[in-house]
């Protein structure tokens, strides 16, 4: 039996702009020092001390309607850059714990091979070659048993130009 489609509302909820709401800016007209969360992430920053958005980035559709407030899901929220902080880097112990967890999810308990992907251990209980009874291709698992030089981010040098508090 097919499901009935949800009908869209006939009218869009239009709310007139007022002074009580957050200020709204069109794309390309955002003042210096206000960015979205995605832009903060690209700059290597986290929201930090930003409690909430300080302004709204209007969608392209609302750019033609200056008297109405933007209520569309494509609007963005703007945060202050001066309150943002650098992203935290995990400690060596945290990265080691993550590496062990990923190793446990990608190692077969029957053949002890570590694969390059996570195994369905909850449902199947082993890797697909052990469950189906065939020999896996060598490019799907790690063949070296020598200790691997780790590339953990906690041991990497800090990027230059990052302000720390």
C-alpha atoms as a PDB file:
ATOM      1  CA  UNK A   1       0.000   0.000   0.000  1.00  0.00           C
ATOM      2  CA  UNK A   2       1.654   3.263  -1.077  1.00  0.00           C
ATOM      3  CA  UNK A   3       2.035   6.015   1.419  1.00  0.00           C
ATOM      4  CA  UNK A   4       0.293   9.284   0.777  1.00  0.00           C
ATOM      5  CA  UNK A   5       2.572  12.222   0.130  1.00  0.00           C
ATOM      6  CA  UNK A   6       2.681  15.027   2.593  1.00  0.00           C
ATOM      7  CA  UNK A   7       1.159  18.140   1.101  1.00  0.00           C
ATOM      8  CA  UNK A   8       3.052  21.379   1.192  1.00  0.00           C
ATOM      9  CA  UNK A   9       1.354  24.290   2.849  1.00  0.00           C
ATOM     10  CA  UNK A  10      -0.300  26.595   0.340  1.00  0.00           C
ATOM     11  CA  UNK A  11       1.031  29.747   1.947  1.00  0.00           C
ATOM     12  CA  UNK A  12       4.555  30.509   3.044  1.00  0.00           C
ATOM     13  CA  UNK A  13       4.721  31.945   6.544  1.00  0.00           C
ATOM     14  CA  UNK A  14       5.764  35.534   5.948  1.00  0.00           C
ATOM     15  CA  UNK A  15       6.976  37.476   8.912  1.00  0.00           C
ATOM     16  CA  UNK A  16       7.667  41.181   8.527  1.00  0.00           C
ATOM     17  CA  UNK A  17      11.141  42.292   9.571  1.00  0.00           C
ATOM     18  CA  UNK A  18      11.311  44.103  12.866  1.00  0.00           C
ATOM     19  CA  UNK A  19      13.954  45.513  15.189  1.00  0.00           C
ATOM     20  CA  UNK A  20      13.284  42.794  17.798  1.00  0.00           C
ATOM     21  CA  UNK A  21      14.824  39.962  15.738  1.00  0.00           C
ATOM     22  CA  UNK A  22      18.436  39.345  14.816  1.00  0.00           C
ATOM     23  CA  UNK A  23      19.845  41.537  12.052  1.00  0.00           C
ATOM     24  CA  UNK A  24      19.748  39.936   8.621  1.00  0.00           C
ATOM     25  CA  UNK A  25      22.353  40.269   5.892  1.00  0.00           C
ATOM     26  CA  UNK A  26      22.274  39.254   2.258  1.00  0.00           C
ATOM     27  CA  UNK A  27      25.065  37.152   0.796  1.00  0.00           C
ATOM     28  CA  UNK A  28      28.008  39.353  -0.109  1.00  0.00           C
ATOM     29  CA  UNK A  29      26.922  42.104   2.269  1.00  0.00           C
ATOM     30  CA  UNK A  30      28.030  40.515   5.543  1.00  0.00           C
ATOM     31  CA  UNK A  31      30.098  42.867   7.730  1.00  0.00           C
ATOM     32  CA  UNK A  32      33.704  42.055   8.610  1.00  0.00           C
ATOM     33  CA  UNK A  33      34.065  39.713  11.584  1.00  0.00           C
ATOM     34  CA  UNK A  34      30.880  37.663  11.091  1.00  0.00           C
ATOM     35  CA  UNK A  35      31.077  34.189   9.531  1.00  0.00           C
ATOM     36  CA  UNK A  36      29.097  30.950   9.450  1.00  0.00           C
ATOM     37  CA  UNK A  37      30.060  27.757  11.307  1.00  0.00           C
ATOM     38  CA  UNK A  38      31.339  26.246   8.077  1.00  0.00           C
ATOM     39  CA  UNK A  39      33.610  29.237   7.480  1.00  0.00           C
ATOM     40  CA  UNK A  40      34.886  28.938  11.068  1.00  0.00           C
ATOM     41  CA  UNK A  41      35.678  25.270  10.446  1.00  0.00           C
ATOM     42  CA  UNK A  42      37.591  26.129   7.265  1.00  0.00           C
ATOM     43  CA  UNK A  43      39.634  28.675   9.232  1.00  0.00           C
ATOM     44  CA  UNK A  44      40.515  26.007  11.825  1.00  0.00           C
ATOM     45  CA  UNK A  45      38.404  27.586  14.559  1.00  0.00           C
ATOM     46  CA  UNK A  46      35.575  26.409  16.803  1.00  0.00           C
ATOM     47  CA  UNK A  47      32.686  28.618  17.989  1.00  0.00           C
ATOM     48  CA  UNK A  48      34.396  29.058  21.378  1.00  0.00           C
ATOM     49  CA  UNK A  49      32.670  31.723  23.472  1.00  0.00           C
ATOM     50  CA  UNK A  50      29.881  32.374  20.953  1.00  0.00           C
ATOM     51  CA  UNK A  51      26.680  31.757  22.913  1.00  0.00           C
ATOM     52  CA  UNK A  52      24.458  31.873  19.853  1.00  0.00           C
ATOM     53  CA  UNK A  53      24.126  33.513  16.477  1.00  0.00           C
ATOM     54  CA  UNK A  54      24.422  37.279  16.339  1.00  0.00           C
ATOM     55  CA  UNK A  55      22.938  37.681  12.838  1.00  0.00           C
ATOM     56  CA  UNK A  56      21.216  35.759  10.054  1.00  0.00           C
ATOM     57  CA  UNK A  57      22.576  35.174   6.569  1.00  0.00           C
ATOM     58  CA  UNK A  58      19.576  35.407   4.286  1.00  0.00           C
ATOM     59  CA  UNK A  59      18.953  32.903   1.502  1.00  0.00           C
ATOM     60  CA  UNK A  60      19.151  33.905  -2.147  1.00  0.00           C
ATOM     61  CA  UNK A  61      15.372  33.871  -2.508  1.00  0.00           C
ATOM     62  CA  UNK A  62      14.876  36.401   0.272  1.00  0.00           C
ATOM     63  CA  UNK A  63      17.416  38.799  -1.223  1.00  0.00           C
ATOM     64  CA  UNK A  64      14.623  40.070  -3.480  1.00  0.00           C
ATOM     65  CA  UNK A  65      12.274  40.632  -0.535  1.00  0.00           C
ATOM     66  CA  UNK A  66      13.939  43.182   1.769  1.00  0.00           C
ATOM     67  CA  UNK A  67      10.852  43.813   3.917  1.00  0.00           C
ATOM     68  CA  UNK A  68      10.289  40.199   4.913  1.00  0.00           C
ATOM     69  CA  UNK A  69      12.243  38.090   7.381  1.00  0.00           C
ATOM     70  CA  UNK A  70      13.986  34.988   6.030  1.00  0.00           C
ATOM     71  CA  UNK A  71      12.319  31.801   7.346  1.00  0.00           C
ATOM     72  CA  UNK A  72      13.729  29.316   4.819  1.00  0.00           C
ATOM     73  CA  UNK A  73      15.863  26.352   5.914  1.00  0.00           C
ATOM     74  CA  UNK A  74      18.708  27.550   3.660  1.00  0.00           C
ATOM     75  CA  UNK A  75      19.390  30.584   5.801  1.00  0.00           C
ATOM     76  CA  UNK A  76      22.613  30.617   7.784  1.00  0.00           C
ATOM     77  CA  UNK A  77      23.488  31.870  11.229  1.00  0.00           C
ATOM     78  CA  UNK A  78      26.455  34.192  11.638  1.00  0.00           C
ATOM     79  CA  UNK A  79      28.917  34.024  14.534  1.00  0.00           C
ATOM     80  CA  UNK A  80      31.629  36.428  15.669  1.00  0.00           C
ATOM     81  CA  UNK A  81      35.192  35.552  14.697  1.00  0.00           C
ATOM     82  CA  UNK A  82      36.777  37.404  17.626  1.00  0.00           C
ATOM     83  CA  UNK A  83      35.034  35.064  20.111  1.00  0.00           C
ATOM     84  CA  UNK A  84      36.083  31.913  18.260  1.00  0.00           C
ATOM     85  CA  UNK A  85      38.903  29.708  19.538  1.00  0.00           C
ATOM     86  CA  UNK A  86      41.303  27.346  17.775  1.00  0.00           C
ATOM     87  CA  UNK A  87      40.133  23.771  17.367  1.00  0.00           C
ATOM     88  CA  UNK A  88      41.328  21.413  20.063  1.00  0.00           C
ATOM     89  CA  UNK A  89      43.739  18.693  19.045  1.00  0.00           C
ATOM     90  CA  UNK A  90      43.254  15.306  20.680  1.00  0.00           C
ATOM     91  CA  UNK A  91      45.904  14.045  23.057  1.00  0.00           C
ATOM     92  CA  UNK A  92      48.092  11.084  22.188  1.00  0.00           C
ATOM     93  CA  UNK A  93      46.125   8.882  24.611  1.00  0.00           C
ATOM     94  CA  UNK A  94      42.822   9.839  22.953  1.00  0.00           C
ATOM     95  CA  UNK A  95      44.174   9.066  19.494  1.00  0.00           C
ATOM     96  CA  UNK A  96      45.625   5.776  20.714  1.00  0.00           C
ATOM     97  CA  UNK A  97      42.225   4.819  22.147  1.00  0.00           C
ATOM     98  CA  UNK A  98      40.556   5.662  18.819  1.00  0.00           C
ATOM     99  CA  UNK A  99      43.131   3.615  16.926  1.00  0.00           C
ATOM    100  CA  UNK A 100      42.517   0.626  19.199  1.00  0.00           C
ATOM    101  CA  UNK A 101      38.754   0.952  18.766  1.00  0.00           C
ATOM    102  CA  UNK A 102      39.042   1.072  14.983  1.00  0.00           C
ATOM    103  CA  UNK A 103      41.460  -1.873  15.060  1.00  0.00           C
ATOM    104  CA  UNK A 104      38.939  -3.892  17.083  1.00  0.00           C
ATOM    105  CA  UNK A 105      36.188  -3.138  14.539  1.00  0.00           C
ATOM    106  CA  UNK A 106      38.345  -4.046  11.543  1.00  0.00           C
ATOM    107  CA  UNK A 107      40.086  -7.211  12.830  1.00  0.00           C
ATOM    108  CA  UNK A 108      38.488 -10.592  12.200  1.00  0.00           C
ATOM    109  CA  UNK A 109      38.331 -12.782  15.347  1.00  0.00           C
ATOM    110  CA  UNK A 110      38.674 -16.009  13.308  1.00  0.00           C
ATOM    111  CA  UNK A 111      41.573 -15.308  10.941  1.00  0.00           C
ATOM    112  CA  UNK A 112      43.118 -12.321  12.833  1.00  0.00           C
ATOM    113  CA  UNK A 113      43.470 -10.255   9.645  1.00  0.00           C
ATOM    114  CA  UNK A 114      43.051  -6.509   9.960  1.00  0.00           C
ATOM    115  CA  UNK A 115      41.028  -5.163   7.067  1.00  0.00           C
ATOM    116  CA  UNK A 116      40.976  -1.640   5.664  1.00  0.00           C
ATOM    117  CA  UNK A 117      37.245  -1.353   6.428  1.00  0.00           C
ATOM    118  CA  UNK A 118      34.995  -2.110   9.390  1.00  0.00           C
ATOM    119  CA  UNK A 119      33.678  -5.674   9.580  1.00  0.00           C
ATOM    120  CA  UNK A 120      30.058  -6.711  10.278  1.00  0.00           C
ATOM    121  CA  UNK A 121      30.976  -8.316  13.597  1.00  0.00           C
ATOM    122  CA  UNK A 122      27.547  -7.878  15.206  1.00  0.00           C
ATOM    123  CA  UNK A 123      25.590  -9.542  12.420  1.00  0.00           C
ATOM    124  CA  UNK A 124      28.025 -11.976  10.771  1.00  0.00           C
ATOM    125  CA  UNK A 125      30.657 -12.321  13.502  1.00  0.00           C
ATOM    126  CA  UNK A 126      33.648 -12.497  11.159  1.00  0.00           C
ATOM    127  CA  UNK A 127      34.993 -11.221   7.873  1.00  0.00           C
ATOM    128  CA  UNK A 128      33.222 -12.145   4.641  1.00  0.00           C
ATOM    129  CA  UNK A 129      35.958 -14.588   3.456  1.00  0.00           C
ATOM    130  CA  UNK A 130      35.724 -16.547   6.727  1.00  0.00           C
ATOM    131  CA  UNK A 131      31.918 -16.569   6.617  1.00  0.00           C
ATOM    132  CA  UNK A 132      31.704 -17.534   2.916  1.00  0.00           C
ATOM    133  CA  UNK A 133      34.784 -19.785   2.843  1.00  0.00           C
ATOM    134  CA  UNK A 134      37.021 -18.153   0.232  1.00  0.00           C
ATOM    135  CA  UNK A 135      40.475 -16.545   0.244  1.00  0.00           C
ATOM    136  CA  UNK A 136      40.430 -12.720   0.451  1.00  0.00           C
ATOM    137  CA  UNK A 137      42.317 -10.539  -2.013  1.00  0.00           C
ATOM    138  CA  UNK A 138      45.534  -9.121  -0.519  1.00  0.00           C
ATOM    139  CA  UNK A 139      44.589  -5.513  -1.201  1.00  0.00           C
ATOM    140  CA  UNK A 140      41.695  -5.614   1.304  1.00  0.00           C
ATOM    141  CA  UNK A 141      43.725  -6.287   4.457  1.00  0.00           C
ATOM    142  CA  UNK A 142      47.027  -5.303   6.025  1.00  0.00           C
ATOM    143  CA  UNK A 143      49.764  -7.854   5.344  1.00  0.00           C
ATOM    144  CA  UNK A 144      52.591  -6.289   7.342  1.00  0.00           C
ATOM    145  CA  UNK A 145      52.939  -7.340  10.958  1.00  0.00           C
ATOM    146  CA  UNK A 146      55.795  -4.905  11.627  1.00  0.00           C
ATOM    147  CA  UNK A 147      55.008  -2.002  13.943  1.00  0.00           C
ATOM    148  CA  UNK A 148      53.544   0.874  11.988  1.00  0.00           C
ATOM    149  CA  UNK A 149      54.923   4.379  12.486  1.00  0.00           C
ATOM    150  CA  UNK A 150      51.932   6.241  13.812  1.00  0.00           C
ATOM    151  CA  UNK A 151      50.587   9.376  12.202  1.00  0.00           C
ATOM    152  CA  UNK A 152      48.611  10.602  15.164  1.00  0.00           C
ATOM    153  CA  UNK A 153      47.616  14.262  15.111  1.00  0.00           C
ATOM    154  CA  UNK A 154      48.692  14.802  18.716  1.00  0.00           C
ATOM    155  CA  UNK A 155      52.329  14.270  17.756  1.00  0.00           C
ATOM    156  CA  UNK A 156      52.180  16.456  14.677  1.00  0.00           C
ATOM    157  CA  UNK A 157      53.624  19.953  14.947  1.00  0.00           C
ATOM    158  CA  UNK A 158      51.054  22.677  15.481  1.00  0.00           C
ATOM    159  CA  UNK A 159      50.084  24.600  12.350  1.00  0.00           C
ATOM    160  CA  UNK A 160      51.727  27.979  12.051  1.00  0.00           C
ATOM    161  CA  UNK A 161      49.651  31.086  12.481  1.00  0.00           C
ATOM    162  CA  UNK A 162      47.236  29.572  15.006  1.00  0.00           C
ATOM    163  CA  UNK A 163      46.502  31.731  18.014  1.00  0.00           C
ATOM    164  CA  UNK A 164      46.378  29.836  21.299  1.00  0.00           C
ATOM    165  CA  UNK A 165      45.024  31.189  24.546  1.00  0.00           C
END
